[in-house]
Amino acid sequence: MSIKQVLVTGATGKTGSIVYQKLKQDQNFKVKGFARSPEKAQELFGSTENFYFGDIKDPQSLTEALKGCQALVILTSAAPKMTAPPQPGERPQFEYVSDGTPELVDYQGQKNQIDTAIAAGIEQIVLVGSMGGTNENHPLNMMGNGKILIWKRQAEEYLVNSGIKYTIIRAGGLLDQPGGVRKLLLGDNDELLINPPDDIPTSIPRADVAETVVQALKEPSAINKAFDLMSYPEADADSITQDFAALFAQTTAAKF
C-alpha cells in the first residue's frame, strides 16, 4: 500500500497517544497529531513536531492540520470532573465544564471534524466511540447528566450519513493493560453488553483498541463498518486475534 498520511485528534489522550505512537512506528503511515495542550504533547512525546494545536469546537483550527491527509482518526471525548470527594457510603458526583459538555465535544466537536475532513478531501474517517449508546439509562449517560453516549451515537449517525468512508469502533471498558495477547470479540448495537459471552467482562485494553484503529486504516474489509469491540480476558483466550481482515469481515454497516 502507498504511504497514507493520517491525522489523529485527541492524540494526547490515553488511547489517542497509543494510536499516534503505533502509526508513527508503522512505515505505511505518516502521522500528525491534534490536541489542545502543547505542554502535554511535549511531556508525552518529547516533541511537538508534527503536532497541531487547537479546539475541535473551532472548525478553522482543524483546517491546517488536515492538509495533505488521506485519513482522520477521531479520538476526542468529553471528560467529567468529580465535584467533590464522596462521603462514606455515597457515590461520587461528576459534572462537565460549561464549554466541555458531551453535546459540544462529542457531537458538535465531532461534527466539526467530519465536515472539515470532507472539505479537505479526506478519504476515510475512523471514529472511536463507546459501547452503551442504545441505552439511555446507561450509567455513563447519567454521569453529570451529560448523556455522553447518546451524543456520541448521534455523531456516529452523522458520520454514516455524510457519505464519506467510515469505520466506527465502539469500545468496551478501557483497560491500561498490554495489547496483542487476547482474543477480540466484535458485536453490534450493544448485544455484547446485554448478553456477554461466557459472562466475561465487557472490557478491552486500550492497546488493542489502538491496534484495531491501525488495522482499520489498512484493511478494505473495515470500510463502512461499525462494531462493538471487547476482548476475552488474557487467561481465557483460546487464541490471540491476529487476522484483522477476517475479523472485520464479520461486521456490517452501521444500523441505528
Protein backbone atom coordinates (compact mmCIF):
# COMPACT_ATOMS: atom_id res chain seq x y z
CA MET A 1 0.00 0.00 0.00
CA SER A 2 1.12 3.56 -0.61
CA ILE A 3 2.07 5.68 2.39
CA LYS A 4 -1.05 7.18 3.95
CA GLN A 5 -0.97 10.43 5.91
CA VAL A 6 -3.25 10.36 8.95
CA LEU A 7 -4.38 12.98 11.44
CA VAL A 8 -5.17 11.71 14.95
CA THR A 9 -7.31 14.05 17.06
CA GLY A 10 -7.25 13.57 20.80
CA ALA A 11 -3.67 12.42 20.28
CA THR A 12 -2.56 13.24 23.83
CA GLY A 13 -5.32 11.16 25.43
CA LYS A 14 -4.71 7.75 26.94
CA THR A 15 -5.87 5.84 23.85
CA GLY A 16 -5.06 8.53 21.30
CA SER A 17 -1.41 8.64 22.35
CA ILE A 18 -1.11 4.87 21.76
CA VAL A 19 -2.67 5.22 18.31
CA TYR A 20 -0.31 8.08 17.49
CA GLN A 21 2.75 6.04 18.56
CA LYS A 22 1.66 2.96 16.63
CA LEU A 23 1.13 4.95 13.43
CA LYS A 24 4.43 6.76 13.93
CA GLN A 25 6.24 3.42 14.12
CA ASP A 26 4.46 1.96 11.06
CA GLN A 27 6.24 2.60 7.77
CA ASN A 28 2.90 2.57 5.93
CA PHE A 29 1.88 5.84 7.55
CA LYS A 30 2.86 9.43 8.15
CA VAL A 31 1.04 10.69 11.22
CA LYS A 32 0.09 14.10 12.54
CA GLY A 33 -1.43 14.78 15.94
CA PHE A 34 -4.05 17.29 17.01
CA ALA A 35 -4.54 18.30 20.64
CA ARG A 36 -5.24 21.26 22.90
CA SER A 37 -2.08 21.31 25.00
CA PRO A 38 1.47 21.71 23.62
CA GLU A 39 2.76 21.02 27.12
CA LYS A 40 1.07 17.64 27.26
CA ALA A 41 2.36 16.68 23.80
CA GLN A 42 5.87 17.65 24.83
CA GLU A 43 5.55 15.64 28.04
CA LEU A 44 4.24 12.52 26.26
CA PHE A 45 6.35 12.50 23.12
CA GLY A 46 9.34 14.70 23.92
CA SER A 47 8.49 16.92 20.97
CA THR A 48 5.66 18.85 19.37
CA GLU A 49 6.88 18.11 15.85
CA ASN A 50 4.03 17.09 13.53
CA PHE A 51 1.51 18.32 16.11
CA TYR A 52 -1.20 20.90 15.62
CA PHE A 53 -2.96 22.60 18.50
CA GLY A 54 -6.45 23.99 18.69
CA ASP A 55 -10.02 23.31 19.73
CA ILE A 56 -12.33 20.91 17.89
CA LYS A 57 -15.18 23.29 18.67
CA ASP A 58 -13.47 25.72 16.27
CA PRO A 59 -13.51 24.14 12.78
CA GLN A 60 -10.92 26.61 11.46
CA SER A 61 -8.30 25.25 13.86
CA LEU A 62 -8.63 21.84 12.16
CA THR A 63 -8.17 23.01 8.57
CA GLU A 64 -4.38 23.35 8.54
CA ALA A 65 -3.88 20.05 10.37
CA LEU A 66 -5.91 18.13 7.79
CA LYS A 67 -4.00 19.42 4.77
CA GLY A 68 -2.37 16.59 2.82
CA CYS A 69 -4.06 13.85 4.86
CA GLN A 70 -5.93 10.89 3.45
CA ALA A 71 -7.46 9.70 6.73
CA LEU A 72 -8.70 11.07 10.05
CA VAL A 73 -8.86 9.20 13.35
CA ILE A 74 -11.23 10.78 15.88
CA LEU A 75 -10.37 10.06 19.49
CA THR A 76 -11.72 13.18 21.17
CA SER A 77 -14.16 12.88 24.06
CA ALA A 78 -15.66 14.99 26.82
CA ALA A 79 -14.32 14.24 30.31
CA PRO A 80 -16.31 14.88 33.51
CA LYS A 81 -14.73 16.10 36.72
CA MET A 82 -15.59 14.96 40.23
CA THR A 83 -17.39 17.76 42.05
CA ALA A 84 -16.12 16.72 45.49
CA PRO A 85 -14.83 13.59 47.23
CA PRO A 86 -17.81 11.40 48.19
CA GLN A 87 -18.85 10.89 51.77
CA PRO A 88 -18.60 7.33 53.12
CA GLY A 89 -21.29 5.16 51.55
CA GLU A 90 -22.12 7.72 48.85
CA ARG A 91 -21.36 7.61 45.16
CA PRO A 92 -19.10 10.30 43.71
CA GLN A 93 -20.78 13.09 41.77
CA PHE A 94 -19.48 14.40 38.46
CA GLU A 95 -20.05 17.41 36.24
CA TYR A 96 -18.82 18.75 32.91
CA VAL A 97 -17.37 22.22 32.47
CA SER A 98 -19.67 24.51 30.52
CA ASP A 99 -17.57 24.51 27.33
CA GLY A 100 -16.73 20.80 27.59
CA THR A 101 -20.12 19.09 27.66
CA PRO A 102 -20.76 15.94 25.61
CA GLU A 103 -23.13 17.90 23.38
CA LEU A 104 -20.37 20.37 22.50
CA VAL A 105 -17.45 17.91 22.37
CA ASP A 106 -18.85 14.52 21.39
CA TYR A 107 -21.49 15.78 18.98
CA GLN A 108 -20.69 19.29 17.75
CA GLY A 109 -16.92 18.78 18.00
CA GLN A 110 -17.04 15.51 16.10
CA LYS A 111 -19.43 17.01 13.55
CA ASN A 112 -16.91 19.82 13.02
CA GLN A 113 -14.17 17.27 12.43
CA ILE A 114 -16.28 15.32 9.94
CA ASP A 115 -17.33 18.43 8.00
CA THR A 116 -13.78 19.82 7.88
CA ALA A 117 -12.37 16.45 6.83
CA ILE A 118 -14.84 16.17 3.96
CA ALA A 119 -13.99 19.69 2.82
CA ALA A 120 -10.30 18.75 2.92
CA GLY A 121 -10.83 15.70 0.69
CA ILE A 122 -10.22 13.08 3.39
CA GLU A 123 -10.92 9.55 2.13
CA GLN A 124 -11.67 7.69 5.38
CA ILE A 125 -12.62 8.52 8.96
CA VAL A 126 -12.09 6.10 11.83
CA LEU A 127 -14.22 7.12 14.80
CA VAL A 128 -13.59 5.57 18.21
CA GLY A 129 -16.64 5.64 20.46
CA SER A 130 -18.10 3.58 23.28
CA MET A 131 -20.48 0.70 23.75
CA GLY A 132 -23.74 1.53 25.52
CA GLY A 133 -25.21 4.11 23.17
CA THR A 134 -28.51 2.23 22.75
CA ASN A 135 -29.27 2.52 26.48
CA GLU A 136 -30.41 5.97 27.61
CA ASN A 137 -30.12 4.81 31.23
CA HIS A 138 -26.52 3.64 30.95
CA PRO A 139 -24.50 4.91 33.95
CA LEU A 140 -22.22 6.91 31.68
CA ASN A 141 -25.24 8.82 30.37
CA MET A 142 -26.28 9.60 33.94
CA MET A 143 -22.83 10.96 34.83
CA GLY A 144 -23.12 14.72 35.14
CA ASN A 145 -26.43 14.38 33.29
CA GLY A 146 -24.32 14.68 30.16
CA LYS A 147 -25.89 11.87 28.09
CA ILE A 148 -22.44 11.30 26.63
CA LEU A 149 -23.20 8.00 24.89
CA ILE A 150 -26.35 9.48 23.33
CA TRP A 151 -24.35 12.37 21.85
CA LYS A 152 -21.62 10.00 20.65
CA ARG A 153 -24.28 7.92 18.94
CA GLN A 154 -25.68 10.98 17.17
CA ALA A 155 -22.18 11.84 15.92
CA GLU A 156 -21.82 8.29 14.57
CA GLU A 157 -25.09 8.65 12.69
CA TYR A 158 -23.95 11.98 11.26
CA LEU A 159 -20.74 10.34 10.04
CA VAL A 160 -22.58 7.47 8.38
CA ASN A 161 -25.00 9.85 6.65
CA SER A 162 -22.16 12.11 5.46
CA GLY A 163 -21.24 9.73 2.64
CA ILE A 164 -17.52 9.52 3.50
CA LYS A 165 -15.93 6.10 4.03
CA TYR A 166 -16.05 5.27 7.72
CA THR A 167 -15.10 2.77 10.38
CA ILE A 168 -16.83 3.12 13.76
CA ILE A 169 -15.26 1.29 16.70
CA ARG A 170 -17.39 1.21 19.86
CA ALA A 171 -15.02 0.08 22.57
CA GLY A 172 -15.95 -1.62 25.83
CA GLY A 173 -14.48 -0.59 29.17
CA LEU A 174 -10.89 0.53 28.60
CA LEU A 175 -8.04 -1.20 30.42
CA ASP A 176 -4.48 0.02 30.90
CA GLN A 177 -3.07 -3.43 30.15
CA PRO A 178 -0.82 -4.90 27.42
CA GLY A 179 -2.28 -5.46 23.97
CA GLY A 180 -1.76 -8.23 21.47
CA VAL A 181 -2.32 -11.10 23.92
CA ARG A 182 -6.11 -11.51 23.78
CA LYS A 183 -8.86 -12.79 21.55
CA LEU A 184 -11.00 -9.88 20.38
CA LEU A 185 -14.77 -10.04 20.03
CA LEU A 186 -16.98 -7.93 17.79
CA GLY A 187 -20.67 -7.25 18.29
CA ASP A 188 -23.43 -4.96 17.12
CA ASN A 189 -25.55 -2.37 18.89
CA ASP A 190 -24.71 -3.42 22.46
CA GLU A 191 -25.62 -7.08 22.07
CA LEU A 192 -22.39 -7.94 23.91
CA LEU A 193 -23.40 -5.70 26.83
CA ILE A 194 -26.80 -7.34 27.06
CA ASN A 195 -25.50 -10.89 26.75
CA PRO A 196 -21.71 -11.11 27.19
CA PRO A 197 -20.31 -14.49 26.07
CA ASP A 198 -19.32 -16.72 28.97
CA ASP A 199 -20.22 -13.83 31.29
CA ILE A 200 -16.81 -12.24 30.74
CA PRO A 201 -16.24 -8.52 31.45
CA THR A 202 -17.13 -6.22 28.55
CA SER A 203 -13.70 -4.60 28.54
CA ILE A 204 -10.60 -4.33 26.35
CA PRO A 205 -7.04 -2.99 26.67
CA ARG A 206 -6.51 0.44 25.15
CA ALA A 207 -3.59 -1.00 23.19
CA ASP A 208 -5.93 -3.46 21.45
CA VAL A 209 -8.32 -0.66 20.54
CA ALA A 210 -5.35 1.27 19.13
CA GLU A 211 -4.21 -1.72 17.08
CA THR A 212 -7.73 -2.14 15.73
CA VAL A 213 -7.66 1.51 14.61
CA VAL A 214 -4.37 0.99 12.77
CA GLN A 215 -5.65 -2.17 11.10
CA ALA A 216 -8.87 -0.40 10.09
CA LEU A 217 -6.73 2.06 8.13
CA LYS A 218 -5.10 -0.84 6.29
CA GLU A 219 -7.87 -3.37 5.66
CA PRO A 220 -10.52 -2.78 2.98
CA SER A 221 -12.87 -5.08 4.93
CA ALA A 222 -13.10 -2.37 7.62
CA ILE A 223 -14.56 0.22 5.26
CA ASN A 224 -18.14 1.32 6.03
CA LYS A 225 -18.36 -0.91 9.08
CA ALA A 226 -19.50 -0.21 12.65
CA PHE A 227 -18.97 -2.60 15.53
CA ASP A 228 -18.67 -3.03 19.27
CA LEU A 229 -15.27 -4.23 20.46
CA MET A 230 -14.24 -6.16 23.58
CA SER A 231 -11.86 -8.96 24.46
CA TYR A 232 -11.64 -12.20 26.33
CA PRO A 233 -9.53 -12.00 29.46
CA GLU A 234 -5.95 -12.87 28.63
CA ALA A 235 -6.05 -16.15 30.54
CA ASP A 236 -9.32 -17.24 28.89
CA ALA A 237 -8.43 -16.66 25.26
CA ASP A 238 -8.17 -19.87 23.27
CA SER A 239 -6.41 -17.91 20.53
CA ILE A 240 -4.98 -14.43 20.00
CA THR A 241 -6.54 -12.23 17.33
CA GLN A 242 -4.04 -11.67 14.54
CA ASP A 243 -6.08 -11.76 11.32
CA PHE A 244 -7.85 -8.42 11.32
CA ALA A 245 -9.10 -8.74 7.74
CA ALA A 246 -11.07 -11.81 8.82
CA LEU A 247 -12.22 -10.03 11.97
CA PHE A 248 -13.57 -7.03 10.07
CA ALA A 249 -15.23 -9.32 7.53
CA GLN A 250 -17.60 -10.44 10.31
CA THR A 251 -19.04 -6.94 10.64
CA THR A 252 -21.70 -4.95 8.83
CA ALA A 253 -22.59 -1.36 8.05
CA ALA A 254 -23.92 0.82 10.87
CA LYS A 255 -27.56 0.39 11.88
CA PHE A 256 -29.41 2.94 14.02
